[in-house]
C-alpha cells in the first residue's frame, strides 16, 4: 500500500514539474527570442560605430529603426 502512495505522489510531482517547464519554455520562446535578437543587433551596431564603419548620424538612424 505504501508503494501506491509514493507512486501517486511521484505522479503529481511529475505533472507539476512538467507544467512548470512547459510554461517556462513558452515564455522563453515567445518574447525572449525577440529581445535577445534586438540586443544583439544593437551590440553589432555599437561595434560598427566604435570601429568607425558608420558615423553618428547613421548610428542614430539605425538605432531609431531598431527601436520601432
N, C-alpha and C. Protein backbone atom coordinates (compact mmCIF):
# COMPACT_ATOMS: atom_id res chain seq x y z
N UNK A 1 0.81 -1.20 0.00
CA UNK A 1 0.00 0.00 0.00
C UNK A 1 0.86 1.27 0.00
N UNK A 2 2.02 1.20 0.66
CA UNK A 2 2.90 2.36 0.72
C UNK A 2 3.41 2.73 -0.67
N UNK A 3 3.69 1.72 -1.51
CA UNK A 3 4.17 1.98 -2.86
C UNK A 3 3.14 2.75 -3.69
N UNK A 4 1.89 2.42 -3.49
CA UNK A 4 0.83 3.11 -4.22
C UNK A 4 0.82 4.60 -3.85
N UNK A 5 0.97 4.92 -2.59
CA UNK A 5 1.01 6.31 -2.14
C UNK A 5 2.21 7.05 -2.69
N UNK A 6 3.36 6.40 -2.68
CA UNK A 6 4.58 7.03 -3.21
C UNK A 6 4.49 7.26 -4.71
N UNK A 7 3.96 6.28 -5.42
CA UNK A 7 3.81 6.44 -6.87
C UNK A 7 2.81 7.54 -7.21
N UNK A 8 1.76 7.64 -6.41
CA UNK A 8 0.77 8.70 -6.61
C UNK A 8 1.42 10.07 -6.38
N UNK A 9 2.22 10.20 -5.34
CA UNK A 9 2.93 11.44 -5.06
C UNK A 9 3.92 11.76 -6.18
N UNK A 10 4.65 10.76 -6.63
CA UNK A 10 5.59 10.94 -7.73
C UNK A 10 4.89 11.42 -8.99
N UNK A 11 3.73 10.85 -9.30
CA UNK A 11 2.95 11.23 -10.47
C UNK A 11 2.57 12.71 -10.41
N UNK A 12 2.08 13.18 -9.26
CA UNK A 12 1.69 14.57 -9.12
C UNK A 12 2.90 15.51 -9.21
N UNK A 13 4.01 15.12 -8.61
CA UNK A 13 5.23 15.93 -8.72
C UNK A 13 5.71 16.01 -10.16
N UNK A 14 5.62 14.91 -10.88
CA UNK A 14 6.00 14.89 -12.28
C UNK A 14 5.09 15.80 -13.12
N UNK A 15 3.80 15.77 -12.88
CA UNK A 15 2.86 16.65 -13.59
C UNK A 15 3.13 18.12 -13.30
N UNK A 16 3.37 18.45 -12.05
CA UNK A 16 3.62 19.85 -11.68
C UNK A 16 4.94 20.33 -12.30
N UNK A 17 5.98 19.52 -12.21
CA UNK A 17 7.27 19.91 -12.79
C UNK A 17 7.17 20.04 -14.31
N UNK A 18 6.45 19.14 -14.95
CA UNK A 18 6.26 19.22 -16.40
C UNK A 18 5.48 20.46 -16.80
N UNK A 19 4.45 20.80 -16.03
CA UNK A 19 3.68 22.01 -16.32
C UNK A 19 4.51 23.26 -16.14
N UNK A 20 5.32 23.30 -15.09
CA UNK A 20 6.19 24.46 -14.86
C UNK A 20 7.22 24.59 -15.98
N UNK A 21 7.78 23.48 -16.43
CA UNK A 21 8.75 23.51 -17.52
C UNK A 21 8.09 23.98 -18.82
N UNK A 22 6.87 23.55 -19.06
CA UNK A 22 6.15 23.98 -20.26
C UNK A 22 5.88 25.48 -20.25
N UNK A 23 5.43 26.00 -19.13
CA UNK A 23 5.16 27.43 -19.02
C UNK A 23 6.45 28.23 -19.21
N UNK A 24 7.54 27.77 -18.60
CA UNK A 24 8.82 28.45 -18.76
C UNK A 24 9.27 28.45 -20.21
N UNK A 25 9.11 27.33 -20.89
CA UNK A 25 9.52 27.21 -22.28
C UNK A 25 8.69 28.15 -23.17
N UNK A 26 7.40 28.23 -22.92
CA UNK A 26 6.52 29.10 -23.71
C UNK A 26 6.92 30.56 -23.55
N UNK A 27 7.15 30.99 -22.32
CA UNK A 27 7.52 32.39 -22.10
C UNK A 27 8.91 32.69 -22.64
N UNK A 28 9.82 31.76 -22.54
CA UNK A 28 11.17 31.97 -23.04
C UNK A 28 11.18 32.02 -24.57
N UNK A 29 10.39 31.18 -25.21
CA UNK A 29 10.35 31.13 -26.67
C UNK A 29 9.59 32.32 -27.24
N UNK A 30 8.66 32.88 -26.49
CA UNK A 30 7.85 33.99 -27.00
C UNK A 30 8.60 35.29 -27.08
N UNK A 31 8.66 36.03 -26.01
CA UNK A 31 9.27 37.35 -26.01
C UNK A 31 10.77 37.32 -25.88
N UNK A 32 11.31 36.29 -25.32
CA UNK A 32 12.73 36.23 -25.08
C UNK A 32 13.56 36.24 -26.34
N UNK A 33 13.15 35.53 -27.35
CA UNK A 33 13.92 35.43 -28.58
C UNK A 33 13.99 36.78 -29.27
N UNK A 34 12.89 37.50 -29.31
CA UNK A 34 12.90 38.82 -29.94
C UNK A 34 13.80 39.77 -29.17
N UNK A 35 13.73 39.72 -27.87
CA UNK A 35 14.53 40.63 -27.05
C UNK A 35 16.02 40.34 -27.23
N UNK A 36 16.40 39.06 -27.23
CA UNK A 36 17.81 38.71 -27.41
C UNK A 36 18.30 39.14 -28.80
N UNK A 37 17.45 38.97 -29.82
CA UNK A 37 17.83 39.39 -31.16
C UNK A 37 18.02 40.88 -31.26
N UNK A 38 17.18 41.64 -30.59
CA UNK A 38 17.29 43.09 -30.57
C UNK A 38 18.57 43.52 -29.87
N UNK A 39 18.89 42.90 -28.73
CA UNK A 39 20.12 43.23 -28.02
C UNK A 39 21.35 42.95 -28.87
N UNK A 40 21.32 41.86 -29.60
CA UNK A 40 22.46 41.51 -30.46
C UNK A 40 22.61 42.53 -31.59
N UNK A 41 21.49 42.95 -32.17
CA UNK A 41 21.54 43.93 -33.26
C UNK A 41 22.11 45.26 -32.76
N UNK A 42 21.71 45.68 -31.58
CA UNK A 42 22.21 46.94 -31.01
C UNK A 42 23.70 46.80 -30.71
N UNK A 43 24.12 45.64 -30.20
CA UNK A 43 25.53 45.43 -29.90
C UNK A 43 26.38 45.49 -31.17
N UNK A 44 25.89 44.89 -32.25
CA UNK A 44 26.62 44.94 -33.52
C UNK A 44 26.69 46.37 -34.03
N UNK A 45 25.59 47.09 -33.92
CA UNK A 45 25.56 48.49 -34.35
C UNK A 45 26.57 49.32 -33.56
N UNK A 46 26.64 49.12 -32.27
CA UNK A 46 27.61 49.85 -31.43
C UNK A 46 29.05 49.50 -31.81
N UNK A 47 29.29 48.23 -32.09
CA UNK A 47 30.64 47.82 -32.51
C UNK A 47 31.04 48.50 -33.81
N UNK A 48 30.12 48.54 -34.76
CA UNK A 48 30.43 49.18 -36.05
C UNK A 48 30.70 50.66 -35.87
N UNK A 49 29.95 51.31 -34.98
CA UNK A 49 30.18 52.73 -34.70
C UNK A 49 31.53 52.92 -34.02
N UNK A 50 31.86 52.04 -33.08
CA UNK A 50 33.13 52.15 -32.36
C UNK A 50 34.32 51.93 -33.29
N UNK A 51 34.17 51.07 -34.30
CA UNK A 51 35.25 50.82 -35.24
C UNK A 51 35.35 51.92 -36.30
N UNK A 52 34.37 52.80 -36.35
CA UNK A 52 34.39 53.88 -37.33
C UNK A 52 33.80 53.51 -38.66
N UNK A 53 33.10 52.39 -38.74
CA UNK A 53 32.49 51.97 -40.01
C UNK A 53 31.29 52.83 -40.37
N UNK A 54 30.60 53.36 -39.37
CA UNK A 54 29.45 54.24 -39.60
C UNK A 54 29.63 55.50 -38.76
N UNK A 55 29.01 56.59 -39.21
CA UNK A 55 29.13 57.84 -38.46
C UNK A 55 27.97 57.99 -37.47
N UNK A 56 27.99 59.07 -36.71
CA UNK A 56 26.99 59.29 -35.66
C UNK A 56 25.57 59.37 -36.22
N UNK A 57 25.39 60.04 -37.33
CA UNK A 57 24.06 60.17 -37.93
C UNK A 57 23.49 58.83 -38.36
N UNK A 58 24.32 58.03 -39.01
CA UNK A 58 23.87 56.71 -39.45
C UNK A 58 23.58 55.81 -38.23
N UNK A 59 24.43 55.92 -37.21
CA UNK A 59 24.20 55.15 -35.99
C UNK A 59 22.84 55.50 -35.38
N UNK A 60 22.57 56.80 -35.26
CA UNK A 60 21.30 57.25 -34.67
C UNK A 60 20.10 56.79 -35.49
N UNK A 61 20.21 56.90 -36.83
CA UNK A 61 19.12 56.47 -37.70
C UNK A 61 18.84 54.96 -37.56
N UNK A 62 19.89 54.19 -37.57
CA UNK A 62 19.70 52.73 -37.47
C UNK A 62 19.20 52.33 -36.08
N UNK A 63 19.68 52.99 -35.04
CA UNK A 63 19.21 52.70 -33.70
C UNK A 63 17.74 53.04 -33.57
N UNK A 64 17.33 54.15 -34.14
CA UNK A 64 15.92 54.54 -34.12
C UNK A 64 15.07 53.51 -34.87
N UNK A 65 15.56 53.01 -36.00
CA UNK A 65 14.85 51.98 -36.75
C UNK A 65 14.71 50.69 -35.95
N UNK A 66 15.73 50.34 -35.19
CA UNK A 66 15.66 49.13 -34.38
C UNK A 66 14.64 49.26 -33.26
N UNK A 67 14.47 50.47 -32.75
CA UNK A 67 13.52 50.68 -31.64
C UNK A 67 12.08 50.71 -32.11
N UNK A 68 11.86 50.95 -33.41
CA UNK A 68 10.47 50.99 -33.94
C UNK A 68 9.85 49.65 -34.01
